[in-house]
Amino acid sequence: MALRLSLFEIIQAPVMTEKSSKLIDSQKKISLRVHPAANKTQIKEALEKLFKVRVKDVNIKVKQGKIRRFKRMESQGSLVKVAIVTLKDEESFAILTQAGAGGVATEQTQDFASQTTE
């Protein structure tokens, strides 16, 4: 039985590393940090409803927290779940990459970008 999560709890943050930026450029995939209890169908549903995109495939990798020892005490770091998402259509991909870069593109930012490149 899956935990009932809201759409805003499922997707936590984009993962911006060198490897994830190469995935964006070469294979048109985006990496997102998600809630540890979220499954593939919940992630797909959240992306489709929040960003209005069509998701082709969702892959998940789970990173266990490191075990750290100090004298006789032992602690374990937090679990991190990363979803690597492939989208169906190319034009909706730009919305997610700009959201990962620090903000959602609006008409004003697109007008400003076109003025600066001319």
PDB file of N, CA and C in Angstrom:
ATOM      1  N   MET A   1       0.845  -1.177   0.000  1.00  0.00           N
ATOM      2  CA  MET A   1       0.000   0.000   0.000  1.00  0.00           C
ATOM      3  C   MET A   1       0.891   1.241   0.000  1.00  0.00           C
ATOM      4  N   ALA A   2       0.689   2.103  -0.968  1.00  0.00           N
ATOM      5  CA  ALA A   2       1.516   3.298  -1.118  1.00  0.00           C
ATOM      6  C   ALA A   2       1.054   4.395  -0.159  1.00  0.00           C
ATOM      7  N   LEU A   3       2.017   5.169   0.296  1.00  0.00           N
ATOM      8  CA  LEU A   3       1.739   6.299   1.166  1.00  0.00           C
ATOM      9  C   LEU A   3       1.058   7.394   0.353  1.00  0.00           C
ATOM     10  N   ARG A   4       0.047   8.023   0.897  1.00  0.00           N
ATOM     11  CA  ARG A   4      -0.700   9.067   0.184  1.00  0.00           C
ATOM     12  C   ARG A   4       0.053  10.390   0.320  1.00  0.00           C
ATOM     13  N   LEU A   5       0.648  10.840  -0.773  1.00  0.00           N
ATOM     14  CA  LEU A   5       1.408  12.086  -0.787  1.00  0.00           C
ATOM     15  C   LEU A   5       0.716  13.087  -1.695  1.00  0.00           C
ATOM     16  N   SER A   6       0.847  14.372  -1.355  1.00  0.00           N
ATOM     17  CA  SER A   6       0.311  15.388  -2.259  1.00  0.00           C
ATOM     18  C   SER A   6       1.279  15.577  -3.423  1.00  0.00           C
ATOM     19  N   LEU A   7       0.803  16.202  -4.496  1.00  0.00           N
ATOM     20  CA  LEU A   7       1.638  16.408  -5.676  1.00  0.00           C
ATOM     21  C   LEU A   7       2.863  17.256  -5.363  1.00  0.00           C
ATOM     22  N   PHE A   8       2.727  18.189  -4.440  1.00  0.00           N
ATOM     23  CA  PHE A   8       3.822  19.093  -4.111  1.00  0.00           C
ATOM     24  C   PHE A   8       4.864  18.452  -3.202  1.00  0.00           C
ATOM     25  N   GLU A   9       4.507  17.372  -2.517  1.00  0.00           N
ATOM     26  CA  GLU A   9       5.461  16.655  -1.664  1.00  0.00           C
ATOM     27  C   GLU A   9       6.312  15.679  -2.470  1.00  0.00           C
ATOM     28  N   ILE A  10       5.819  15.198  -3.578  1.00  0.00           N
ATOM     29  CA  ILE A  10       6.509  14.158  -4.338  1.00  0.00           C
ATOM     30  C   ILE A  10       7.793  14.686  -4.964  1.00  0.00           C
ATOM     31  N   ILE A  11       7.703  15.782  -5.715  1.00  0.00           N
ATOM     32  CA  ILE A  11       8.883  16.341  -6.382  1.00  0.00           C
ATOM     33  C   ILE A  11       9.482  17.392  -5.469  1.00  0.00           C
ATOM     34  N   GLN A  12      10.737  17.169  -5.048  1.00  0.00           N
ATOM     35  CA  GLN A  12      11.362  18.067  -4.091  1.00  0.00           C
ATOM     36  C   GLN A  12      12.275  19.098  -4.751  1.00  0.00           C
ATOM     37  N   ALA A  13      13.168  18.657  -5.657  1.00  0.00           N
ATOM     38  CA  ALA A  13      14.122  19.597  -6.254  1.00  0.00           C
ATOM     39  C   ALA A  13      14.760  18.970  -7.477  1.00  0.00           C
ATOM     40  N   PRO A  14      15.236  19.796  -8.405  1.00  0.00           N
ATOM     41  CA  PRO A  14      16.004  19.241  -9.517  1.00  0.00           C
ATOM     42  C   PRO A  14      17.420  18.902  -9.060  1.00  0.00           C
ATOM     43  N   VAL A  15      18.015  17.910  -9.682  1.00  0.00           N
ATOM     44  CA  VAL A  15      19.398  17.538  -9.384  1.00  0.00           C
ATOM     45  C   VAL A  15      20.272  18.137 -10.484  1.00  0.00           C
ATOM     46  N   MET A  16      21.129  19.062 -10.124  1.00  0.00           N
ATOM     47  CA  MET A  16      21.982  19.718 -11.107  1.00  0.00           C
ATOM     48  C   MET A  16      23.441  19.324 -10.850  1.00  0.00           C
ATOM     49  N   THR A  17      23.861  18.269 -11.502  1.00  0.00           N
ATOM     50  CA  THR A  17      25.244  17.821 -11.443  1.00  0.00           C
ATOM     51  C   THR A  17      25.779  17.779 -12.869  1.00  0.00           C
ATOM     52  N   GLU A  18      27.054  17.490 -12.998  1.00  0.00           N
ATOM     53  CA  GLU A  18      27.649  17.408 -14.332  1.00  0.00           C
ATOM     54  C   GLU A  18      27.017  16.262 -15.129  1.00  0.00           C
ATOM     55  N   LYS A  19      26.802  15.145 -14.475  1.00  0.00           N
ATOM     56  CA  LYS A  19      26.209  13.995 -15.154  1.00  0.00           C
ATOM     57  C   LYS A  19      24.764  14.278 -15.573  1.00  0.00           C
ATOM     58  N   SER A  20      23.997  14.942 -14.705  1.00  0.00           N
ATOM     59  CA  SER A  20      22.606  15.233 -15.063  1.00  0.00           C
ATOM     60  C   SER A  20      22.519  16.259 -16.189  1.00  0.00           C
ATOM     61  N   SER A  21      23.454  17.204 -16.246  1.00  0.00           N
ATOM     62  CA  SER A  21      23.427  18.160 -17.359  1.00  0.00           C
ATOM     63  C   SER A  21      23.807  17.489 -18.677  1.00  0.00           C
ATOM     64  N   LYS A  22      24.674  16.478 -18.635  1.00  0.00           N
ATOM     65  CA  LYS A  22      24.987  15.711 -19.845  1.00  0.00           C
ATOM     66  C   LYS A  22      23.781  14.891 -20.296  1.00  0.00           C
ATOM     67  N   LEU A  23      23.004  14.359 -19.331  1.00  0.00           N
ATOM     68  CA  LEU A  23      21.788  13.614 -19.673  1.00  0.00           C
ATOM     69  C   LEU A  23      20.756  14.521 -20.327  1.00  0.00           C
ATOM     70  N   ILE A  24      20.675  15.762 -19.864  1.00  0.00           N
ATOM     71  CA  ILE A  24      19.736  16.714 -20.452  1.00  0.00           C
ATOM     72  C   ILE A  24      20.110  16.978 -21.906  1.00  0.00           C
ATOM     73  N   ASP A  25      21.384  17.213 -22.162  1.00  0.00           N
ATOM     74  CA  ASP A  25      21.833  17.561 -23.511  1.00  0.00           C
ATOM     75  C   ASP A  25      21.775  16.375 -24.476  1.00  0.00           C
ATOM     76  N   SER A  26      22.284  15.230 -24.055  1.00  0.00           N
ATOM     77  CA  SER A  26      22.425  14.117 -24.992  1.00  0.00           C
ATOM     78  C   SER A  26      21.170  13.246 -25.116  1.00  0.00           C
ATOM     79  N   GLN A  27      20.543  12.895 -23.991  1.00  0.00           N
ATOM     80  CA  GLN A  27      19.442  11.930 -24.029  1.00  0.00           C
ATOM     81  C   GLN A  27      18.076  12.528 -23.688  1.00  0.00           C
ATOM     82  N   LYS A  28      18.020  13.831 -23.461  1.00  0.00           N
ATOM     83  CA  LYS A  28      16.759  14.513 -23.148  1.00  0.00           C
ATOM     84  C   LYS A  28      16.072  13.925 -21.920  1.00  0.00           C
ATOM     85  N   LYS A  29      16.867  13.735 -20.863  1.00  0.00           N
ATOM     86  CA  LYS A  29      16.344  13.238 -19.590  1.00  0.00           C
ATOM     87  C   LYS A  29      16.642  14.270 -18.518  1.00  0.00           C
ATOM     88  N   ILE A  30      15.772  14.351 -17.515  1.00  0.00           N
ATOM     89  CA  ILE A  30      15.978  15.283 -16.414  1.00  0.00           C
ATOM     90  C   ILE A  30      15.966  14.512 -15.105  1.00  0.00           C
ATOM     91  N   SER A  31      16.827  14.922 -14.167  1.00  0.00           N
ATOM     92  CA  SER A  31      16.944  14.254 -12.877  1.00  0.00           C
ATOM     93  C   SER A  31      16.275  15.110 -11.802  1.00  0.00           C
ATOM     94  N   LEU A  32      15.454  14.471 -10.985  1.00  0.00           N
ATOM     95  CA  LEU A  32      14.728  15.163  -9.932  1.00  0.00           C
ATOM     96  C   LEU A  32      14.872  14.407  -8.622  1.00  0.00           C
ATOM     97  N   ARG A  33      15.059  15.151  -7.521  1.00  0.00           N
ATOM     98  CA  ARG A  33      15.041  14.528  -6.200  1.00  0.00           C
ATOM     99  C   ARG A  33      13.586  14.420  -5.774  1.00  0.00           C
ATOM    100  N   VAL A  34      13.185  13.224  -5.346  1.00  0.00           N
ATOM    101  CA  VAL A  34      11.788  12.974  -5.005  1.00  0.00           C
ATOM    102  C   VAL A  34      11.676  12.459  -3.573  1.00  0.00           C
ATOM    103  N   HIS A  35      10.449  12.415  -3.080  1.00  0.00           N
ATOM    104  CA  HIS A  35      10.170  11.911  -1.730  1.00  0.00           C
ATOM    105  C   HIS A  35      10.560  10.439  -1.655  1.00  0.00           C
ATOM    106  N   PRO A  36      11.180  10.005  -0.554  1.00  0.00           N
ATOM    107  CA  PRO A  36      11.621   8.609  -0.452  1.00  0.00           C
ATOM    108  C   PRO A  36      10.496   7.576  -0.537  1.00  0.00           C
ATOM    109  N   ALA A  37       9.270   7.961  -0.234  1.00  0.00           N
ATOM    110  CA  ALA A  37       8.164   7.006  -0.274  1.00  0.00           C
ATOM    111  C   ALA A  37       7.429   7.020  -1.614  1.00  0.00           C
ATOM    112  N   ALA A  38       7.820   7.889  -2.538  1.00  0.00           N
ATOM    113  CA  ALA A  38       7.122   8.002  -3.814  1.00  0.00           C
ATOM    114  C   ALA A  38       7.523   6.862  -4.748  1.00  0.00           C
ATOM    115  N   ASN A  39       6.557   6.376  -5.538  1.00  0.00           N
ATOM    116  CA  ASN A  39       6.857   5.342  -6.525  1.00  0.00           C
ATOM    117  C   ASN A  39       6.789   5.942  -7.932  1.00  0.00           C
ATOM    118  N   LYS A  40       7.049   5.124  -8.949  1.00  0.00           N
ATOM    119  CA  LYS A  40       7.129   5.621 -10.323  1.00  0.00           C
ATOM    120  C   LYS A  40       5.809   6.212 -10.814  1.00  0.00           C
ATOM    121  N   THR A  41       4.701   5.559 -10.507  1.00  0.00           N
ATOM    122  CA  THR A  41       3.417   6.062 -10.987  1.00  0.00           C
ATOM    123  C   THR A  41       3.055   7.389 -10.330  1.00  0.00           C
ATOM    124  N   GLN A  42       3.377   7.561  -9.062  1.00  0.00           N
ATOM    125  CA  GLN A  42       3.112   8.825  -8.376  1.00  0.00           C
ATOM    126  C   GLN A  42       3.967   9.946  -8.961  1.00  0.00           C
ATOM    127  N   ILE A  43       5.233   9.648  -9.275  1.00  0.00           N
ATOM    128  CA  ILE A  43       6.132  10.646  -9.851  1.00  0.00           C
ATOM    129  C   ILE A  43       5.630  11.062 -11.228  1.00  0.00           C
ATOM    130  N   LYS A  44       5.220  10.093 -12.037  1.00  0.00           N
ATOM    131  CA  LYS A  44       4.704  10.376 -13.374  1.00  0.00           C
ATOM    132  C   LYS A  44       3.445  11.235 -13.291  1.00  0.00           C
ATOM    133  N   GLU A  45       2.545  10.886 -12.411  1.00  0.00           N
ATOM    134  CA  GLU A  45       1.303  11.630 -12.249  1.00  0.00           C
ATOM    135  C   GLU A  45       1.564  13.062 -11.782  1.00  0.00           C
ATOM    136  N   ALA A  46       2.485  13.229 -10.848  1.00  0.00           N
ATOM    137  CA  ALA A  46       2.802  14.566 -10.331  1.00  0.00           C
ATOM    138  C   ALA A  46       3.396  15.449 -11.419  1.00  0.00           C
ATOM    139  N   LEU A  47       4.321  14.920 -12.214  1.00  0.00           N
ATOM    140  CA  LEU A  47       4.922  15.702 -13.289  1.00  0.00           C
ATOM    141  C   LEU A  47       3.889  16.091 -14.337  1.00  0.00           C
ATOM    142  N   GLU A  48       3.024  15.163 -14.708  1.00  0.00           N
ATOM    143  CA  GLU A  48       2.033  15.446 -15.735  1.00  0.00           C
ATOM    144  C   GLU A  48       1.010  16.478 -15.278  1.00  0.00           C
ATOM    145  N   LYS A  49       0.656  16.464 -14.000  1.00  0.00           N
ATOM    146  CA  LYS A  49      -0.336  17.422 -13.511  1.00  0.00           C
ATOM    147  C   LYS A  49       0.282  18.787 -13.194  1.00  0.00           C
ATOM    148  N   LEU A  50       1.468  18.812 -12.613  1.00  0.00           N
ATOM    149  CA  LEU A  50       2.078  20.085 -12.219  1.00  0.00           C
ATOM    150  C   LEU A  50       2.650  20.844 -13.406  1.00  0.00           C
ATOM    151  N   PHE A  51       3.386  20.164 -14.284  1.00  0.00           N
ATOM    152  CA  PHE A  51       4.078  20.839 -15.378  1.00  0.00           C
ATOM    153  C   PHE A  51       3.379  20.682 -16.726  1.00  0.00           C
ATOM    154  N   LYS A  52       2.288  19.915 -16.752  1.00  0.00           N
ATOM    155  CA  LYS A  52       1.516  19.686 -17.982  1.00  0.00           C
ATOM    156  C   LYS A  52       2.415  19.165 -19.124  1.00  0.00           C
ATOM    157  N   VAL A  53       3.171  18.122 -18.812  1.00  0.00           N
ATOM    158  CA  VAL A  53       4.032  17.453 -19.791  1.00  0.00           C
ATOM    159  C   VAL A  53       3.611  15.993 -19.889  1.00  0.00           C
ATOM    160  N   ARG A  54       4.043  15.334 -20.947  1.00  0.00           N
ATOM    161  CA  ARG A  54       3.772  13.898 -21.104  1.00  0.00           C
ATOM    162  C   ARG A  54       5.057  13.142 -20.816  1.00  0.00           C
ATOM    163  N   VAL A  55       4.997  12.234 -19.856  1.00  0.00           N
ATOM    164  CA  VAL A  55       6.170  11.482 -19.414  1.00  0.00           C
ATOM    165  C   VAL A  55       6.220  10.155 -20.161  1.00  0.00           C
ATOM    166  N   LYS A  56       7.383   9.862 -20.729  1.00  0.00           N
ATOM    167  CA  LYS A  56       7.572   8.598 -21.439  1.00  0.00           C
ATOM    168  C   LYS A  56       8.040   7.500 -20.496  1.00  0.00           C
ATOM    169  N   ASP A  57       9.022   7.813 -19.641  1.00  0.00           N
ATOM    170  CA  ASP A  57       9.626   6.789 -18.800  1.00  0.00           C
ATOM    171  C   ASP A  57      10.141   7.410 -17.507  1.00  0.00           C
ATOM    172  N   VAL A  58      10.094   6.636 -16.416  1.00  0.00           N
ATOM    173  CA  VAL A  58      10.627   7.066 -15.119  1.00  0.00           C
ATOM    174  C   VAL A  58      11.532   5.966 -14.587  1.00  0.00           C
ATOM    175  N   ASN A  59      12.779   6.308 -14.320  1.00  0.00           N
ATOM    176  CA  ASN A  59      13.711   5.388 -13.670  1.00  0.00           C
ATOM    177  C   ASN A  59      14.069   5.975 -12.315  1.00  0.00           C
ATOM    178  N   ILE A  60      14.262   5.095 -11.335  1.00  0.00           N
ATOM    179  CA  ILE A  60      14.545   5.551  -9.972  1.00  0.00           C
ATOM    180  C   ILE A  60      15.846   4.936  -9.489  1.00  0.00           C
ATOM    181  N   LYS A  61      16.662   5.765  -8.827  1.00  0.00           N
ATOM    182  CA  LYS A  61      17.823   5.218  -8.137  1.00  0.00           C
ATOM    183  C   LYS A  61      17.799   5.726  -6.699  1.00  0.00           C
ATOM    184  N   VAL A  62      18.129   4.841  -5.777  1.00  0.00           N
ATOM    185  CA  VAL A  62      18.076   5.139  -4.356  1.00  0.00           C
ATOM    186  C   VAL A  62      19.494   5.146  -3.812  1.00  0.00           C
ATOM    187  N   LYS A  63      19.859   6.255  -3.176  1.00  0.00           N
ATOM    188  CA  LYS A  63      21.177   6.363  -2.549  1.00  0.00           C
ATOM    189  C   LYS A  63      20.997   6.232  -1.039  1.00  0.00           C
ATOM    190  N   GLN A  64      21.570   5.185  -0.481  1.00  0.00           N
ATOM    191  CA  GLN A  64      21.513   4.996   0.960  1.00  0.00           C
ATOM    192  C   GLN A  64      22.443   5.996   1.626  1.00  0.00           C
ATOM    193  N   GLY A  65      22.089   6.439   2.818  1.00  0.00           N
ATOM    194  CA  GLY A  65      22.929   7.371   3.552  1.00  0.00           C
ATOM    195  C   GLY A  65      24.182   6.687   4.064  1.00  0.00           C
ATOM    196  N   LYS A  66      25.256   7.448   4.160  1.00  0.00           N
ATOM    197  CA  LYS A  66      26.512   6.896   4.659  1.00  0.00           C
ATOM    198  C   LYS A  66      26.419   6.604   6.151  1.00  0.00           C
ATOM    199  N   ILE A  67      27.102   5.552   6.570  1.00  0.00           N
ATOM    200  CA  ILE A  67      27.185   5.236   7.994  1.00  0.00           C
ATOM    201  C   ILE A  67      28.445   5.903   8.525  1.00  0.00           C
ATOM    202  N   ARG A  68      28.261   6.717   9.546  1.00  0.00           N
ATOM    203  CA  ARG A  68      29.390   7.430  10.140  1.00  0.00           C
ATOM    204  C   ARG A  68      29.567   6.961  11.577  1.00  0.00           C
ATOM    205  N   ARG A  69      30.814   6.746  11.956  1.00  0.00           N
ATOM    206  CA  ARG A  69      31.112   6.289  13.311  1.00  0.00           C
ATOM    207  C   ARG A  69      32.023   7.289  13.989  1.00  0.00           C
ATOM    208  N   PHE A  70      31.710   7.585  15.221  1.00  0.00           N
ATOM    209  CA  PHE A  70      32.561   8.429  16.047  1.00  0.00           C
ATOM    210  C   PHE A  70      32.605   7.793  17.430  1.00  0.00           C
ATOM    211  N   LYS A  71      33.789   7.310  17.782  1.00  0.00           N
ATOM    212  CA  LYS A  71      33.987   6.553  19.016  1.00  0.00           C
ATOM    213  C   LYS A  71      33.006   5.383  19.048  1.00  0.00           C
ATOM    214  N   ARG A  72      32.067   5.360  19.968  1.00  0.00           N
ATOM    215  CA  ARG A  72      31.121   4.233  20.042  1.00  0.00           C
ATOM    216  C   ARG A  72      29.760   4.559  19.424  1.00  0.00           C
ATOM    217  N   MET A  73      29.600   5.784  18.974  1.00  0.00           N
ATOM    218  CA  MET A  73      28.308   6.170  18.398  1.00  0.00           C
ATOM    219  C   MET A  73      28.323   5.953  16.886  1.00  0.00           C
ATOM    220  N   GLU A  74      27.192   5.558  16.369  1.00  0.00           N
ATOM    221  CA  GLU A  74      27.059   5.317  14.947  1.00  0.00           C
ATOM    222  C   GLU A  74      25.792   6.013  14.459  1.00  0.00           C
ATOM    223  N   SER A  75      25.898   6.694  13.331  1.00  0.00           N
ATOM    224  CA  SER A  75      24.719   7.345  12.763  1.00  0.00           C
ATOM    225  C   SER A  75      24.696   7.103  11.260  1.00  0.00           C
ATOM    226  N   GLN A  76      23.506   7.137  10.714  1.00  0.00           N
ATOM    227  CA  GLN A  76      23.365   6.919   9.288  1.00  0.00           C
ATOM    228  C   GLN A  76      22.752   8.162   8.659  1.00  0.00           C
ATOM    229  N   GLY A  77      23.296   8.571   7.508  1.00  0.00           N
ATOM    230  CA  GLY A  77      22.783   9.723   6.775  1.00  0.00           C
ATOM    231  C   GLY A  77      21.420   9.417   6.180  1.00  0.00           C
ATOM    232  N   SER A  78      20.788  10.450   5.676  1.00  0.00           N
ATOM    233  CA  SER A  78      19.434  10.280   5.154  1.00  0.00           C
ATOM    234  C   SER A  78      19.440   9.643   3.764  1.00  0.00           C
ATOM    235  N   LEU A  79      18.366   8.956   3.470  1.00  0.00           N
ATOM    236  CA  LEU A  79      18.170   8.293   2.195  1.00  0.00           C
ATOM    237  C   LEU A  79      17.763   9.331   1.149  1.00  0.00           C
ATOM    238  N   VAL A  80      18.326   9.230  -0.052  1.00  0.00           N
ATOM    239  CA  VAL A  80      17.996  10.151  -1.139  1.00  0.00           C
ATOM    240  C   VAL A  80      17.497   9.332  -2.318  1.00  0.00           C
ATOM    241  N   LYS A  81      16.328   9.706  -2.840  1.00  0.00           N
ATOM    242  CA  LYS A  81      15.766   9.020  -3.998  1.00  0.00           C
ATOM    243  C   LYS A  81      15.757   9.997  -5.166  1.00  0.00           C
ATOM    244  N   VAL A  82      16.342   9.558  -6.289  1.00  0.00           N
ATOM    245  CA  VAL A  82      16.436  10.395  -7.483  1.00  0.00           C
ATOM    246  C   VAL A  82      15.670   9.716  -8.615  1.00  0.00           C
ATOM    247  N   ALA A  83      14.822  10.482  -9.283  1.00  0.00           N
ATOM    248  CA  ALA A  83      14.069   9.983 -10.433  1.00  0.00           C
ATOM    249  C   ALA A  83      14.662  10.579 -11.700  1.00  0.00           C
ATOM    250  N   ILE A  84      14.980   9.728 -12.666  1.00  0.00           N
ATOM    251  CA  ILE A  84      15.466  10.173 -13.966  1.00  0.00           C
ATOM    252  C   ILE A  84      14.294  10.012 -14.933  1.00  0.00           C
ATOM    253  N   VAL A  85      13.792  11.146 -15.437  1.00  0.00           N
ATOM    254  CA  VAL A  85      12.552  11.180 -16.192  1.00  0.00           C
ATOM    255  C   VAL A  85      12.834  11.488 -17.658  1.00  0.00           C
ATOM    256  N   THR A  86      12.234  10.695 -18.549  1.00  0.00           N
ATOM    257  CA  THR A  86      12.286  10.939 -19.987  1.00  0.00           C
ATOM    258  C   THR A  86      10.923  11.449 -20.425  1.00  0.00           C
ATOM    259  N   LEU A  87      10.911  12.583 -21.134  1.00  0.00           N
ATOM    260  CA  LEU A  87       9.659  13.173 -21.597  1.00  0.00           C
ATOM    261  C   LEU A  87       9.362  12.774 -23.030  1.00  0.00           C
ATOM    262  N   LYS A  88       8.080  12.785 -23.404  1.00  0.00           N
ATOM    263  CA  LYS A  88       7.672  12.385 -24.743  1.00  0.00           C
ATOM    264  C   LYS A  88       7.890  13.484 -25.775  1.00  0.00           C
ATOM    265  N   ASP A  89       7.537  14.710 -25.440  1.00  0.00           N
ATOM    266  CA  ASP A  89       7.636  15.775 -26.430  1.00  0.00           C
ATOM    267  C   ASP A  89       8.759  16.750 -26.075  1.00  0.00           C
ATOM    268  N   GLU A  90       9.434  17.256 -27.088  1.00  0.00           N
ATOM    269  CA  GLU A  90      10.607  18.112 -26.924  1.00  0.00           C
ATOM    270  C   GLU A  90      10.265  19.504 -26.416  1.00  0.00           C
ATOM    271  N   GLU A  91       9.157  20.079 -26.852  1.00  0.00           N
ATOM    272  CA  GLU A  91       8.872  21.461 -26.510  1.00  0.00           C
ATOM    273  C   GLU A  91       8.563  21.656 -25.034  1.00  0.00           C
ATOM    274  N   SER A  92       7.990  20.658 -24.369  1.00  0.00           N
ATOM    275  CA  SER A  92       7.709  20.786 -22.949  1.00  0.00           C
ATOM    276  C   SER A  92       8.969  20.595 -22.116  1.00  0.00           C
ATOM    277  N   PHE A  93      10.020  20.080 -22.726  1.00  0.00           N
ATOM    278  CA  PHE A  93      11.271  19.850 -22.018  1.00  0.00           C
ATOM    279  C   PHE A  93      11.925  21.165 -21.601  1.00  0.00           C
ATOM    280  N   ALA A  94      11.742  22.219 -22.364  1.00  0.00           N
ATOM    281  CA  ALA A  94      12.336  23.515 -22.059  1.00  0.00           C
ATOM    282  C   ALA A  94      11.789  24.088 -20.751  1.00  0.00           C
ATOM    283  N   ILE A  95      10.539  23.826 -20.444  1.00  0.00           N
ATOM    284  CA  ILE A  95       9.943  24.338 -19.211  1.00  0.00           C
ATOM    285  C   ILE A  95      10.640  23.748 -17.996  1.00  0.00           C
ATOM    286  N   LEU A  96      10.880  22.449 -18.007  1.00  0.00           N
ATOM    287  CA  LEU A  96      11.518  21.803 -16.865  1.00  0.00           C
ATOM    288  C   LEU A  96      12.976  22.206 -16.717  1.00  0.00           C
ATOM    289  N   THR A  97      13.707  22.382 -17.812  1.00  0.00           N
ATOM    290  CA  THR A  97      15.112  22.761 -17.694  1.00  0.00           C
ATOM    291  C   THR A  97      15.251  24.178 -17.175  1.00  0.00           C
ATOM    292  N   GLN A  98      14.346  25.072 -17.559  1.00  0.00           N
ATOM    293  CA  GLN A  98      14.404  26.427 -17.033  1.00  0.00           C
ATOM    294  C   GLN A  98      13.957  26.462 -15.584  1.00  0.00           C
ATOM    295  N   ALA A  99      13.043  25.584 -15.201  1.00  0.00           N
ATOM    296  CA  ALA A  99      12.639  25.503 -13.802  1.00  0.00           C
ATOM    297  C   ALA A  99      13.801  24.990 -12.968  1.00  0.00           C
ATOM    298  N   GLY A 100      14.580  24.084 -13.520  1.00  0.00           N
ATOM    299  CA  GLY A 100      15.747  23.573 -12.810  1.00  0.00           C
ATOM    300  C   GLY A 100      16.857  24.588 -12.719  1.00  0.00           C
ATOM    301  N   ALA A 101      16.891  25.536 -13.651  1.00  0.00           N
ATOM    302  CA  ALA A 101      17.934  26.551 -13.661  1.00  0.00           C
ATOM    303  C   ALA A 101      17.639  27.693 -12.711  1.00  0.00           C
ATOM    304  N   GLY A 102      16.501  27.695 -12.062  1.00  0.00           N
ATOM    305  CA  GLY A 102      16.259  28.715 -11.064  1.00  0.00           C
ATOM    306  C   GLY A 102      14.952  29.467 -11.215  1.00  0.00           C
ATOM    307  N   GLY A 103      14.146  29.165 -12.182  1.00  0.00           N
ATOM    308  CA  GLY A 103      12.871  29.841 -12.314  1.00  0.00           C
ATOM    309  C   GLY A 103      12.136  29.392 -13.547  1.00  0.00           C
ATOM    310  N   VAL A 104      10.843  29.579 -13.526  1.00  0.00           N
ATOM    311  CA  VAL A 104      10.019  29.201 -14.655  1.00  0.00           C
ATOM    312  C   VAL A 104      10.041  30.340 -15.667  1.00  0.00           C
ATOM    313  N   ALA A 105      10.159  30.014 -16.937  1.00  0.00           N
ATOM    314  CA  ALA A 105      10.209  31.022 -17.985  1.00  0.00           C
ATOM    315  C   ALA A 105       8.847  31.677 -18.151  1.00  0.00           C
ATOM    316  N   THR A 106       8.848  32.976 -18.261  1.00  0.00           N
ATOM    317  CA  THR A 106       7.629  33.714 -18.535  1.00  0.00           C
ATOM    318  C   THR A 106       7.803  34.462 -19.839  1.00  0.00           C
ATOM    319  N   GLU A 107       6.756  35.127 -20.286  1.00  0.00           N
ATOM    320  CA  GLU A 107       6.857  35.887 -21.522  1.00  0.00           C
ATOM    321  C   GLU A 107       7.868  37.020 -21.380  1.00  0.00           C
ATOM    322  N   GLN A 108       7.944  37.631 -20.186  1.00  0.00           N
ATOM    323  CA  GLN A 108       8.876  38.740 -19.972  1.00  0.00           C
ATOM    324  C   GLN A 108      10.315  38.271 -20.065  1.00  0.00           C
ATOM    325  N   THR A 109      10.641  37.123 -19.479  1.00  0.00           N
ATOM    326  CA  THR A 109      12.024  36.641 -19.525  1.00  0.00           C
ATOM    327  C   THR A 109      12.395  36.194 -20.924  1.00  0.00           C
ATOM    328  N   GLN A 110      11.443  35.644 -21.681  1.00  0.00           N
ATOM    329  CA  GLN A 110      11.737  35.252 -23.054  1.00  0.00           C
ATOM    330  C   GLN A 110      11.953  36.476 -23.930  1.00  0.00           C
ATOM    331  N   ASP A 111      11.163  37.563 -23.712  1.00  0.00           N
ATOM    332  CA  ASP A 111      11.355  38.799 -24.468  1.00  0.00           C
ATOM    333  C   ASP A 111      12.718  39.407 -24.157  1.00  0.00           C
ATOM    334  N   PHE A 112      13.100  39.397 -22.881  1.00  0.00           N
ATOM    335  CA  PHE A 112      14.383  39.942 -22.470  1.00  0.00           C
ATOM    336  C   PHE A 112      15.533  39.142 -23.093  1.00  0.00           C
ATOM    337  N   ALA A 113      15.392  37.816 -23.106  1.00  0.00           N
ATOM    338  CA  ALA A 113      16.434  36.962 -23.677  1.00  0.00           C
ATOM    339  C   ALA A 113      16.590  37.219 -25.170  1.00  0.00           C
ATOM    340  N   SER A 114      15.488  37.423 -25.880  1.00  0.00           N
ATOM    341  CA  SER A 114      15.576  37.679 -27.315  1.00  0.00           C
ATOM    342  C   SER A 114      16.197  39.052 -27.600  1.00  0.00           C
ATOM    343  N   GLN A 115      15.971  40.039 -26.722  1.00  0.00           N
ATOM    344  CA  GLN A 115      16.550  41.359 -26.908  1.00  0.00           C
ATOM    345  C   GLN A 115      18.060  41.351 -26.688  1.00  0.00           C
ATOM    346  N   THR A 116      18.524  40.561 -25.710  1.00  0.00           N
ATOM    347  CA  THR A 116      19.944  40.539 -25.387  1.00  0.00           C
ATOM    348  C   THR A 116      20.752  39.768 -26.416  1.00  0.00           C
ATOM    349  N   THR A 117      20.138  38.821 -27.116  1.00  0.00           N
ATOM    350  CA  THR A 117      20.886  38.045 -28.100  1.00  0.00           C
ATOM    351  C   THR A 117      21.004  38.774 -29.437  1.00  0.00           C
ATOM    352  N   GLU A 118      20.186  39.770 -29.669  1.00  0.00           N
ATOM    353  CA  GLU A 118      20.229  40.502 -30.936  1.00  0.00           C
ATOM    354  C   GLU A 118      21.363  41.485 -31.004  1.00  0.00           C
TER     355      GLU A 118
END
